[in-house]
Amino acid sequence: MNTPWPEICHALESIVGKRSLLVRREELLVYECDGLTSYRQRPKVVVLPRSTAQVAAVVQVCDRYRVPFVPRGAGTGLSGGALPRENSILIVTTLMKEILRVDLENRVVVVQPGVVNDWVTQAVAGAGFFYAPDPSSQVVCSIGGNVAENSGGVHCLKYGVTTNHVLGLELVLPTGQIVHLGGDTPEGPGYDLTGLVVGAEGTLGIVTAVTLRILPVPEAVRVLLADFTTIQAAGAAVSAIIRSGILPGGMEIMDNLSINAVEDVVALGCYPRDAAAILLVEVDGSAAEIQTLCERVETLCLAQGARQVSVANTSEQRLRLWKGRKAAFAAAGHISPAYYVQDGVIPPSQLSLVLGRIEQLSREYGLPVANVFHAGDGNLHPLILYDHRTPGTFERVEALGGEILKLCVDVGGSISGEHGIGADKACYMPYMFDPADLETMGWVRRVFDPQGLANPEKVLPTPRTCGEASQTKATQFPGLEVF
């Protein structure tokens, strides 16, 4: 059946207006990929709604004409979650950027999905509160995207990822119906549908409002920087700190490649360039306990082979240390024409083993790997550096990335910690989940989206998105429909 695009565009224009409907090729090029630029597909149409009512009306048009739609926020995702499908409608929520309600008494903030992550903390910092999830892209990434991917950040070790801070959602279902899940309180009766939608990557509908939990700012904060002669020793220090019973606000490791890239670009002057790895440890709490925590962390790091440990006591010093860590991905562009970032999770006890194996894989594939990651919860972010101008290189990059993901699963971990599955890792879902698991996920998805229109070909493996998934589906999933 031929899709009547002129008729559809007319219907969309009547909803959002001419300026919020993009159809020209040069306009659509901006939206052909998210932060994972290795995969590109131009959408047929882009719409930029400003309200829940407009989103619902746009989705109703998609439902009426059986046209797939892809939700998109700021486009900073790193798994192809917002990658358009051919002849799809891209629904972009960046114009929905209002902070709808600030309720300090109940420690709640309600926002539209286009609100930038960092704006939430800015809105409540003067009253002594903050919003804990802080991805490296927090100055540009949006809350809607954070909800879709269940984003984490530097402080997820102690404070949790996005799902731990979302109390309620307003959701437009793939039929265009508007529903409200959760509320202003942490626990409610019935099924936890809020938790189901967070991390669903837009496959169950489009989030149009989010109720967030905010926290009081800790009384005292310190950041320690320990440098090591091997990255395995830095991993061992992480395990020792966790084993001791200390729960830092965050723990991050950067290897030598990342250290020098950051210093070249940001010029902080506070990272030792000759270190094989540095470990950043943030401790927070009451003023009375903070000194003891710092001393215990320093002792543990030195026992694992740290050359030296320094402490950032002022807010300016702390910000400098974290500025470098948050600039690590961007700085990788200084040392390589292109890079491919992966996102896997391992038990912290396996850090030394896995980091050593990644070094071996890097040599086997002839591709440098820069390691920068949330060490405390074992969330790895290996950056595979390569030259995209060399034919055949990207195929090796994908293969190396797949081996790293399989390694994470083999040691008891996961193929994603905070970047999501998207289009990039769907073919590795059968490596982590058995057929019954995937079939159950497919059932849940069809309950919300019986026509398969909401962000199709993401999360669950399909023949179209992955050859490996095609073979698996044919042999293991007879009769299973996946979108």
Protein backbone atom coordinates (compact mmCIF):
# COMPACT_ATOMS: atom_id res chain seq x y z
CA MET A 1 0.00 0.00 0.00
CA ASN A 2 1.33 3.42 -0.97
CA THR A 3 1.59 5.80 1.96
CA PRO A 4 -0.24 9.10 1.19
CA TRP A 5 2.54 11.39 2.42
CA PRO A 6 1.02 14.67 1.14
CA GLU A 7 -2.15 13.89 3.06
CA ILE A 8 -0.19 12.92 6.18
CA CYS A 9 1.95 16.07 6.03
CA HIS A 10 -1.16 18.20 5.71
CA ALA A 11 -2.62 16.54 8.82
CA LEU A 12 0.64 17.05 10.75
CA GLU A 13 0.92 20.69 9.70
CA SER A 14 -2.60 21.34 10.98
CA ILE A 15 -1.44 20.08 14.40
CA VAL A 16 2.02 21.64 14.90
CA GLY A 17 2.08 24.42 12.30
CA LYS A 18 4.24 24.87 9.24
CA ARG A 19 7.41 25.94 11.11
CA SER A 20 7.38 22.79 13.25
CA LEU A 21 7.07 20.40 10.32
CA LEU A 22 10.34 19.62 8.53
CA VAL A 23 10.26 17.92 5.15
CA ARG A 24 13.12 19.40 3.10
CA ARG A 25 16.20 17.24 2.59
CA GLU A 26 18.61 19.74 4.12
CA GLU A 27 16.43 19.99 7.24
CA LEU A 28 16.12 16.21 7.61
CA LEU A 29 19.88 15.64 7.40
CA VAL A 30 20.25 17.07 10.89
CA TYR A 31 18.15 14.22 12.29
CA GLU A 32 19.53 11.20 10.43
CA CYS A 33 21.45 9.87 13.46
CA ASP A 34 21.90 10.36 17.18
CA GLY A 35 25.24 10.46 19.03
CA LEU A 36 26.17 7.13 17.47
CA THR A 37 27.03 8.64 14.10
CA SER A 38 28.20 5.38 12.54
CA TYR A 39 24.61 4.52 11.57
CA ARG A 40 22.47 6.95 9.58
CA GLN A 41 18.98 6.96 8.09
CA ARG A 42 17.02 10.02 7.03
CA PRO A 43 13.42 10.21 8.32
CA LYS A 44 10.59 10.99 5.94
CA VAL A 45 9.22 13.78 8.15
CA VAL A 46 10.25 15.52 11.40
CA VAL A 47 7.68 17.11 13.71
CA LEU A 48 8.46 19.29 16.73
CA PRO A 49 5.41 19.40 19.04
CA ARG A 50 5.19 21.81 21.97
CA SER A 51 2.55 20.13 24.15
CA THR A 52 1.17 16.78 25.20
CA ALA A 53 -1.96 17.42 23.15
CA GLN A 54 0.12 17.97 20.02
CA VAL A 55 2.14 14.80 20.64
CA ALA A 56 -1.05 12.79 21.09
CA ALA A 57 -2.55 14.23 17.89
CA VAL A 58 0.63 13.45 15.91
CA VAL A 59 0.70 9.87 17.22
CA GLN A 60 -2.97 9.48 16.28
CA VAL A 61 -2.05 10.41 12.71
CA CYS A 62 0.67 7.74 12.76
CA ASP A 63 -1.83 5.22 14.09
CA ARG A 64 -4.44 6.15 11.47
CA TYR A 65 -2.05 5.75 8.53
CA ARG A 66 -0.01 2.89 10.03
CA VAL A 67 3.20 4.93 9.85
CA PRO A 68 6.05 4.11 12.26
CA PHE A 69 7.30 6.90 14.54
CA VAL A 70 10.56 7.39 16.41
CA PRO A 71 10.76 9.58 19.54
CA ARG A 72 13.85 11.76 19.86
CA GLY A 73 15.12 14.17 22.48
CA ALA A 74 18.39 16.09 22.20
CA GLY A 75 19.96 13.36 20.07
CA THR A 76 22.88 12.67 22.42
CA GLY A 77 22.12 8.94 22.75
CA LEU A 78 24.94 6.52 21.94
CA SER A 79 23.16 3.32 20.89
CA GLY A 80 21.13 4.42 17.87
CA GLY A 81 17.95 4.60 19.96
CA ALA A 82 16.74 7.64 18.01
CA LEU A 83 17.92 6.32 14.64
CA PRO A 84 15.04 6.94 12.21
CA ARG A 85 13.53 4.15 10.19
CA GLU A 86 13.04 4.61 6.48
CA ASN A 87 9.68 6.29 5.79
CA SER A 88 9.16 7.05 9.45
CA ILE A 89 8.02 10.16 11.33
CA LEU A 90 10.55 11.50 13.82
CA ILE A 91 8.81 13.12 16.81
CA VAL A 92 11.31 15.50 18.43
CA THR A 93 10.52 16.84 21.92
CA THR A 94 13.19 19.56 22.20
CA LEU A 95 10.60 22.38 22.12
CA MET A 96 8.84 20.87 25.15
CA LYS A 97 11.22 22.50 27.62
CA GLU A 98 9.13 23.88 30.46
CA ILE A 99 9.71 23.17 34.14
CA LEU A 100 6.07 22.71 35.05
CA ARG A 101 6.26 22.58 38.86
CA VAL A 102 8.84 22.86 41.63
CA ASP A 103 7.68 21.45 44.97
CA LEU A 104 10.54 21.76 47.46
CA GLU A 105 8.41 20.67 50.41
CA ASN A 106 7.79 17.29 48.80
CA ARG A 107 11.16 17.24 46.99
CA VAL A 108 9.56 16.96 43.56
CA VAL A 109 10.10 18.69 40.22
CA VAL A 110 7.81 18.13 37.21
CA VAL A 111 9.28 18.81 33.77
CA GLN A 112 8.54 18.39 30.09
CA PRO A 113 10.80 15.92 28.25
CA GLY A 114 12.83 18.60 26.44
CA VAL A 115 14.18 20.08 29.68
CA VAL A 116 17.96 19.71 29.79
CA ASN A 117 19.26 17.53 32.63
CA ASP A 118 21.39 20.26 34.20
CA TRP A 119 18.48 22.72 34.26
CA VAL A 120 16.78 20.67 36.98
CA THR A 121 19.63 21.13 39.43
CA GLN A 122 19.94 24.79 38.47
CA ALA A 123 16.27 25.30 39.30
CA VAL A 124 16.63 23.97 42.87
CA ALA A 125 20.30 24.54 43.76
CA GLY A 126 19.56 27.86 45.46
CA ALA A 127 17.32 26.05 47.93
CA GLY A 128 19.97 23.41 48.69
CA PHE A 129 18.78 20.57 46.45
CA PHE A 130 20.08 18.75 43.38
CA TYR A 131 19.03 16.17 40.78
CA ALA A 132 21.37 13.20 41.12
CA PRO A 133 21.56 11.46 37.69
CA ASP A 134 24.31 13.31 35.83
CA PRO A 135 25.36 11.84 32.47
CA SER A 136 28.53 13.28 30.95
CA SER A 137 26.31 15.10 28.46
CA GLN A 138 24.15 16.60 31.20
CA VAL A 139 24.56 20.17 29.92
CA VAL A 140 22.85 19.20 26.64
CA CYS A 141 20.98 15.90 27.08
CA SER A 142 17.27 16.04 27.85
CA ILE A 143 15.22 14.41 30.58
CA GLY A 144 13.05 12.64 28.00
CA GLY A 145 16.11 10.93 26.55
CA ASN A 146 17.39 10.12 30.05
CA VAL A 147 14.08 8.42 30.81
CA ALA A 148 14.13 6.49 27.53
CA GLU A 149 17.64 5.12 28.10
CA ASN A 150 17.57 4.99 31.92
CA SER A 151 20.72 7.13 31.98
CA GLY A 152 23.15 7.11 34.87
CA GLY A 153 26.25 9.23 35.35
CA VAL A 154 29.12 9.84 37.72
CA HIS A 155 26.97 9.67 40.85
CA CYS A 156 24.89 6.61 40.00
CA LEU A 157 26.98 4.39 42.31
CA LYS A 158 25.53 5.95 45.46
CA TYR A 159 22.39 7.66 44.22
CA GLY A 160 21.15 5.37 41.46
CA VAL A 161 20.24 5.86 37.81
CA THR A 162 17.25 7.66 36.28
CA THR A 163 14.67 5.03 37.27
CA ASN A 164 15.51 5.62 40.94
CA HIS A 165 14.53 9.28 40.60
CA VAL A 166 11.40 9.12 38.43
CA LEU A 167 8.20 9.08 40.47
CA GLY A 168 5.63 9.57 37.74
CA LEU A 169 5.14 9.93 34.00
CA GLU A 170 2.68 11.32 31.53
CA LEU A 171 2.75 8.98 28.54
CA VAL A 172 1.22 9.10 25.07
CA LEU A 173 0.53 5.52 24.03
CA PRO A 174 1.09 4.41 20.41
CA THR A 175 -2.65 4.77 19.86
CA GLY A 176 -2.52 8.45 20.86
CA GLN A 177 -4.20 7.87 24.24
CA ILE A 178 -2.75 9.85 27.16
CA VAL A 179 -2.14 7.99 30.44
CA HIS A 180 -0.63 8.98 33.78
CA LEU A 181 1.63 6.56 35.63
CA GLY A 182 2.92 6.90 39.19
CA GLY A 183 2.64 10.22 41.00
CA ASP A 184 4.40 12.39 43.57
CA THR A 185 5.18 9.58 46.01
CA PRO A 186 7.86 6.89 45.75
CA GLU A 187 5.55 3.89 46.01
CA GLY A 188 2.02 3.42 44.75
CA PRO A 189 -0.45 0.54 44.43
CA GLY A 190 -0.67 -1.67 41.37
CA TYR A 191 1.92 -2.64 38.81
CA ASP A 192 5.07 -0.52 38.51
CA LEU A 193 4.32 0.72 35.01
CA THR A 194 6.50 3.78 35.60
CA GLY A 195 9.49 1.51 36.08
CA LEU A 196 8.50 -0.43 32.98
CA VAL A 197 8.51 2.68 30.77
CA VAL A 198 11.81 4.06 32.08
CA GLY A 199 14.46 2.39 29.96
CA ALA A 200 11.99 1.16 27.33
CA GLU A 201 13.66 3.44 24.76
CA GLY A 202 10.45 4.89 23.38
CA THR A 203 9.06 1.51 22.34
CA LEU A 204 6.01 1.78 24.62
CA GLY A 205 5.04 5.37 23.82
CA ILE A 206 6.28 8.94 24.16
CA VAL A 207 6.85 10.52 27.58
CA THR A 208 5.48 14.08 27.70
CA ALA A 209 5.95 14.96 31.41
CA VAL A 210 8.18 13.56 34.14
CA THR A 211 7.92 13.82 37.92
CA LEU A 212 11.44 13.79 39.34
CA ARG A 213 12.75 13.25 42.85
CA ILE A 214 15.32 15.78 44.08
CA LEU A 215 17.73 15.40 46.99
CA PRO A 216 19.31 17.75 49.56
CA VAL A 217 22.90 18.73 48.79
CA PRO A 218 25.37 16.85 51.06
CA GLU A 219 26.92 18.84 53.88
CA ALA A 220 30.50 18.09 52.78
CA VAL A 221 32.09 16.76 49.59
CA ARG A 222 35.68 15.79 48.74
CA VAL A 223 37.21 14.28 45.58
CA LEU A 224 40.37 12.18 45.68
CA LEU A 225 42.62 11.53 42.68
CA ALA A 226 44.82 8.43 42.84
CA ASP A 227 47.21 7.56 40.00
CA PHE A 228 48.47 4.08 39.15
CA THR A 229 51.14 2.43 37.02
CA THR A 230 48.64 -0.14 35.65
CA ILE A 231 44.92 0.06 34.96
CA GLN A 232 44.49 -3.31 36.65
CA ALA A 233 45.80 -1.81 39.91
CA ALA A 234 43.23 0.98 39.62
CA GLY A 235 40.52 -1.67 39.18
CA ALA A 236 41.80 -3.53 42.22
CA ALA A 237 41.58 -0.31 44.25
CA VAL A 238 37.91 0.05 43.27
CA SER A 239 37.21 -3.49 44.49
CA ALA A 240 39.06 -2.81 47.73
CA ILE A 241 37.04 0.36 48.43
CA ILE A 242 33.72 -1.38 47.78
CA ARG A 243 34.78 -4.39 49.84
CA SER A 244 35.64 -2.13 52.78
CA GLY A 245 32.03 -0.99 53.08
CA ILE A 246 32.61 2.58 51.88
CA LEU A 247 29.96 3.82 49.43
CA PRO A 248 31.44 6.78 47.52
CA GLY A 249 29.29 9.27 45.68
CA GLY A 250 31.15 8.23 42.53
CA MET A 251 34.24 6.38 41.34
CA GLU A 252 35.65 6.86 37.85
CA ILE A 253 38.66 5.40 36.04
CA MET A 254 40.44 6.97 33.07
CA ASP A 255 43.35 5.26 31.28
CA ASN A 256 46.45 6.91 29.83
CA LEU A 257 44.94 7.52 26.40
CA SER A 258 41.98 9.32 27.97
CA ILE A 259 44.14 11.27 30.43
CA ASN A 260 46.33 12.73 27.71
CA ALA A 261 43.43 13.42 25.36
CA VAL A 262 41.67 15.40 28.09
CA GLU A 263 44.79 17.32 29.05
CA ASP A 264 45.47 18.15 25.39
CA VAL A 265 41.95 19.49 24.86
CA VAL A 266 40.84 20.90 28.23
CA ALA A 267 44.31 21.72 29.62
CA LEU A 268 43.36 21.20 33.25
CA GLY A 269 46.90 20.59 34.46
CA CYS A 270 45.68 18.31 37.23
CA TYR A 271 45.89 14.85 35.61
CA PRO A 272 49.32 13.13 35.69
CA ARG A 273 50.15 12.44 32.03
CA ASP A 274 52.51 9.54 32.80
CA ALA A 275 49.97 7.55 34.82
CA ALA A 276 48.63 4.33 33.29
CA ALA A 277 45.32 5.15 34.94
CA ILE A 278 43.76 7.54 37.41
CA LEU A 279 40.95 6.84 39.83
CA LEU A 280 38.61 9.65 40.90
CA VAL A 281 36.73 8.97 44.13
CA GLU A 282 34.11 11.36 45.46
CA VAL A 283 33.01 10.98 49.08
CA ASP A 284 30.20 12.97 50.63
CA GLY A 285 28.31 13.13 53.89
CA SER A 286 28.48 15.03 57.14
CA ALA A 287 31.41 17.29 57.92
CA ALA A 288 32.27 15.04 60.87
CA GLU A 289 32.77 11.88 58.81
CA ILE A 290 34.32 13.23 55.63
CA GLN A 291 37.93 13.39 56.87
CA THR A 292 37.81 9.80 58.06
CA LEU A 293 36.40 8.66 54.71
CA CYS A 294 39.17 10.44 52.83
CA GLU A 295 41.86 8.85 54.98
CA ARG A 296 40.41 5.36 54.53
CA VAL A 297 40.15 5.74 50.74
CA GLU A 298 43.72 7.04 50.53
CA THR A 299 45.02 4.11 52.59
CA LEU A 300 43.18 1.59 50.41
CA CYS A 301 44.46 3.14 47.17
CA LEU A 302 48.06 3.18 48.38
CA ALA A 303 47.75 -0.45 49.47
CA GLN A 304 46.78 -1.34 45.89
CA GLY A 305 49.80 0.38 44.40
CA ALA A 306 48.78 4.01 43.92
CA ARG A 307 51.81 6.24 43.39
CA GLN A 308 50.15 9.19 45.07
CA VAL A 309 46.75 10.40 46.23
CA SER A 310 45.65 14.04 46.20
CA VAL A 311 42.48 15.57 47.61
CA ALA A 312 40.35 18.34 46.10
CA ASN A 313 38.87 20.27 49.01
CA THR A 314 37.25 23.27 47.31
CA SER A 315 34.33 23.28 44.92
CA GLU A 316 36.54 24.83 42.22
CA GLN A 317 39.10 22.02 42.54
CA ARG A 318 36.36 19.36 42.44
CA LEU A 319 34.78 20.88 39.35
CA ARG A 320 38.14 20.85 37.54
CA LEU A 321 38.60 17.15 38.21
CA TRP A 322 35.07 16.27 37.06
CA LYS A 323 35.29 18.61 34.08
CA GLY A 324 38.04 16.46 32.67
CA ARG A 325 36.13 13.23 33.19
CA LYS A 326 32.98 14.61 31.57
CA ALA A 327 35.02 15.85 28.60
CA ALA A 328 36.64 12.47 27.97
CA PHE A 329 34.35 11.33 25.14
CA ALA A 330 34.67 14.60 23.26
CA ALA A 331 38.42 14.70 23.82
CA ALA A 332 38.81 11.32 22.12
CA GLY A 333 38.17 13.12 18.85
CA HIS A 334 41.53 14.85 19.35
CA ILE A 335 43.50 11.60 19.15
CA SER A 336 41.50 9.70 16.52
CA PRO A 337 39.55 10.55 13.34
CA ALA A 338 36.63 8.52 14.73
CA TYR A 339 35.71 6.42 17.73
CA TYR A 340 33.02 3.92 18.64
CA VAL A 341 31.90 3.83 22.25
CA GLN A 342 30.46 0.75 23.89
CA ASP A 343 28.60 0.42 27.17
CA GLY A 344 28.71 -2.78 29.19
CA VAL A 345 28.45 -3.67 32.86
CA ILE A 346 30.48 -6.15 34.89
CA PRO A 347 30.66 -7.07 38.58
CA PRO A 348 33.24 -4.72 40.17
CA SER A 349 35.16 -7.79 41.39
CA GLN A 350 35.90 -8.64 37.73
CA LEU A 351 37.38 -5.26 36.80
CA SER A 352 41.04 -6.28 36.73
CA LEU A 353 40.33 -9.44 34.73
CA VAL A 354 38.11 -7.70 32.17
CA LEU A 355 40.42 -4.71 31.69
CA GLY A 356 43.29 -7.08 31.02
CA ARG A 357 41.20 -8.99 28.49
CA ILE A 358 40.20 -5.74 26.73
CA GLU A 359 43.91 -4.93 26.36
CA GLN A 360 44.41 -8.35 24.71
CA LEU A 361 41.44 -7.85 22.39
CA SER A 362 42.76 -4.42 21.44
CA ARG A 363 46.06 -5.98 20.34
CA GLU A 364 44.33 -8.86 18.53
CA TYR A 365 42.17 -6.53 16.46
CA GLY A 366 44.88 -3.91 15.99
CA LEU A 367 42.62 -1.14 17.31
CA PRO A 368 43.45 1.17 20.23
CA VAL A 369 40.89 1.22 23.05
CA ALA A 370 40.59 4.14 25.47
CA ASN A 371 38.94 3.19 28.75
CA VAL A 372 36.91 5.65 30.78
CA PHE A 373 34.11 4.37 32.96
CA HIS A 374 31.96 4.36 36.08
CA ALA A 375 34.22 2.05 38.03
CA GLY A 376 32.17 1.75 41.20
CA ASP A 377 29.22 -0.02 39.56
CA GLY A 378 31.29 -1.68 36.84
CA ASN A 379 29.80 0.33 33.97
CA LEU A 380 32.50 0.24 31.26
CA HIS A 381 32.75 2.72 28.39
CA PRO A 382 35.54 1.46 26.11
CA LEU A 383 36.17 3.84 23.21
CA ILE A 384 37.45 1.98 20.17
CA LEU A 385 39.60 4.38 18.14
CA TYR A 386 39.77 3.97 14.36
CA ASP A 387 40.09 5.72 11.00
CA HIS A 388 36.76 5.61 9.21
CA ARG A 389 38.48 6.46 5.93
CA THR A 390 40.17 3.04 5.79
CA PRO A 391 37.93 0.47 4.01
CA GLY A 392 36.88 -2.48 6.14
CA THR A 393 37.95 -0.91 9.43
CA PHE A 394 34.49 -0.34 10.83
CA GLU A 395 33.61 -4.00 10.42
CA ARG A 396 36.56 -4.85 12.70
CA VAL A 397 35.43 -2.13 15.11
CA GLU A 398 31.95 -3.68 15.33
CA ALA A 399 33.44 -7.12 15.86
CA LEU A 400 35.70 -5.88 18.65
CA GLY A 401 32.78 -4.07 20.29
CA GLY A 402 30.76 -7.28 20.14
CA GLU A 403 33.55 -9.27 21.77
CA ILE A 404 33.68 -6.75 24.63
CA LEU A 405 29.92 -7.03 25.15
CA LYS A 406 30.08 -10.83 25.17
CA LEU A 407 32.95 -10.65 27.66
CA CYS A 408 30.78 -8.55 29.96
CA VAL A 409 28.00 -11.15 29.86
CA ASP A 410 30.44 -14.04 30.32
CA VAL A 411 31.66 -12.63 33.66
CA GLY A 412 28.12 -12.11 34.93
CA GLY A 413 27.39 -8.61 33.61
CA SER A 414 25.19 -6.90 31.04
CA ILE A 415 25.40 -5.51 27.49
CA SER A 416 24.20 -2.08 28.63
CA GLY A 417 24.46 0.06 31.72
CA GLU A 418 23.03 3.40 30.64
CA HIS A 419 23.34 3.88 26.87
CA GLY A 420 20.52 1.47 26.08
CA ILE A 421 20.24 -1.22 23.42
CA GLY A 422 18.81 0.82 20.55
CA ALA A 423 19.64 -0.38 17.06
CA ASP A 424 23.30 -0.97 17.90
CA LYS A 425 23.11 -3.86 20.38
CA ALA A 426 19.79 -5.56 19.59
CA CYS A 427 21.60 -8.45 17.92
CA TYR A 428 23.38 -9.25 21.20
CA MET A 429 20.19 -9.56 23.24
CA PRO A 430 19.99 -13.34 22.54
CA TYR A 431 23.50 -13.69 23.99
CA MET A 432 22.20 -12.39 27.31
CA PHE A 433 18.58 -13.57 27.33
CA ASP A 434 17.08 -16.94 26.46
CA PRO A 435 14.16 -17.31 24.01
CA ALA A 436 11.51 -17.28 26.76
CA ASP A 437 12.88 -14.00 28.13
CA LEU A 438 12.78 -12.32 24.72
CA GLU A 439 9.35 -13.72 23.94
CA THR A 440 8.01 -12.25 27.20
CA MET A 441 9.51 -8.87 26.33
CA GLY A 442 7.79 -9.07 22.95
CA TRP A 443 4.44 -9.78 24.64
CA VAL A 444 4.82 -6.72 26.90
CA ARG A 445 5.68 -4.57 23.91
CA ARG A 446 2.63 -5.73 21.94
CA VAL A 447 0.32 -4.88 24.85
CA PHE A 448 1.35 -1.23 24.55
CA ASP A 449 1.96 -1.22 20.80
CA PRO A 450 -0.02 -3.92 18.98
CA GLN A 451 0.76 -2.47 15.54
CA GLY A 452 4.49 -2.17 16.12
CA LEU A 453 4.68 1.53 15.26
CA ALA A 454 6.60 2.90 18.27
CA ASN A 455 10.35 3.03 17.59
CA PRO A 456 10.40 -0.23 15.62
CA GLU A 457 13.56 -2.31 15.17
CA LYS A 458 14.99 -1.19 18.48
CA VAL A 459 15.86 -3.20 21.63
CA LEU A 460 14.55 -6.59 20.43
CA PRO A 461 16.43 -8.38 17.61
CA THR A 462 14.94 -8.34 14.12
CA PRO A 463 16.19 -9.73 10.80
CA ARG A 464 16.27 -6.20 9.37
CA THR A 465 18.63 -4.82 11.99
CA CYS A 466 21.06 -7.69 12.50
CA GLY A 467 22.08 -10.75 10.56
CA GLU A 468 22.98 -12.61 13.73
CA ALA A 469 19.53 -11.89 15.12
CA SER A 470 17.98 -13.18 11.90
CA GLN A 471 19.66 -16.54 12.32
CA THR A 472 18.75 -16.69 16.00
CA LYS A 473 15.13 -15.83 15.36
CA ALA A 474 14.82 -18.46 12.66
CA THR A 475 16.25 -21.22 14.84
CA GLN A 476 15.15 -20.30 18.36
CA PHE A 477 12.05 -18.12 18.10
CA PRO A 478 9.59 -19.87 15.74
CA GLY A 479 6.32 -17.98 15.76
CA LEU A 480 7.68 -15.01 17.74
CA GLU A 481 6.88 -11.63 16.24
CA VAL A 482 9.29 -8.87 17.15
CA PHE A 483 9.07 -5.25 16.07
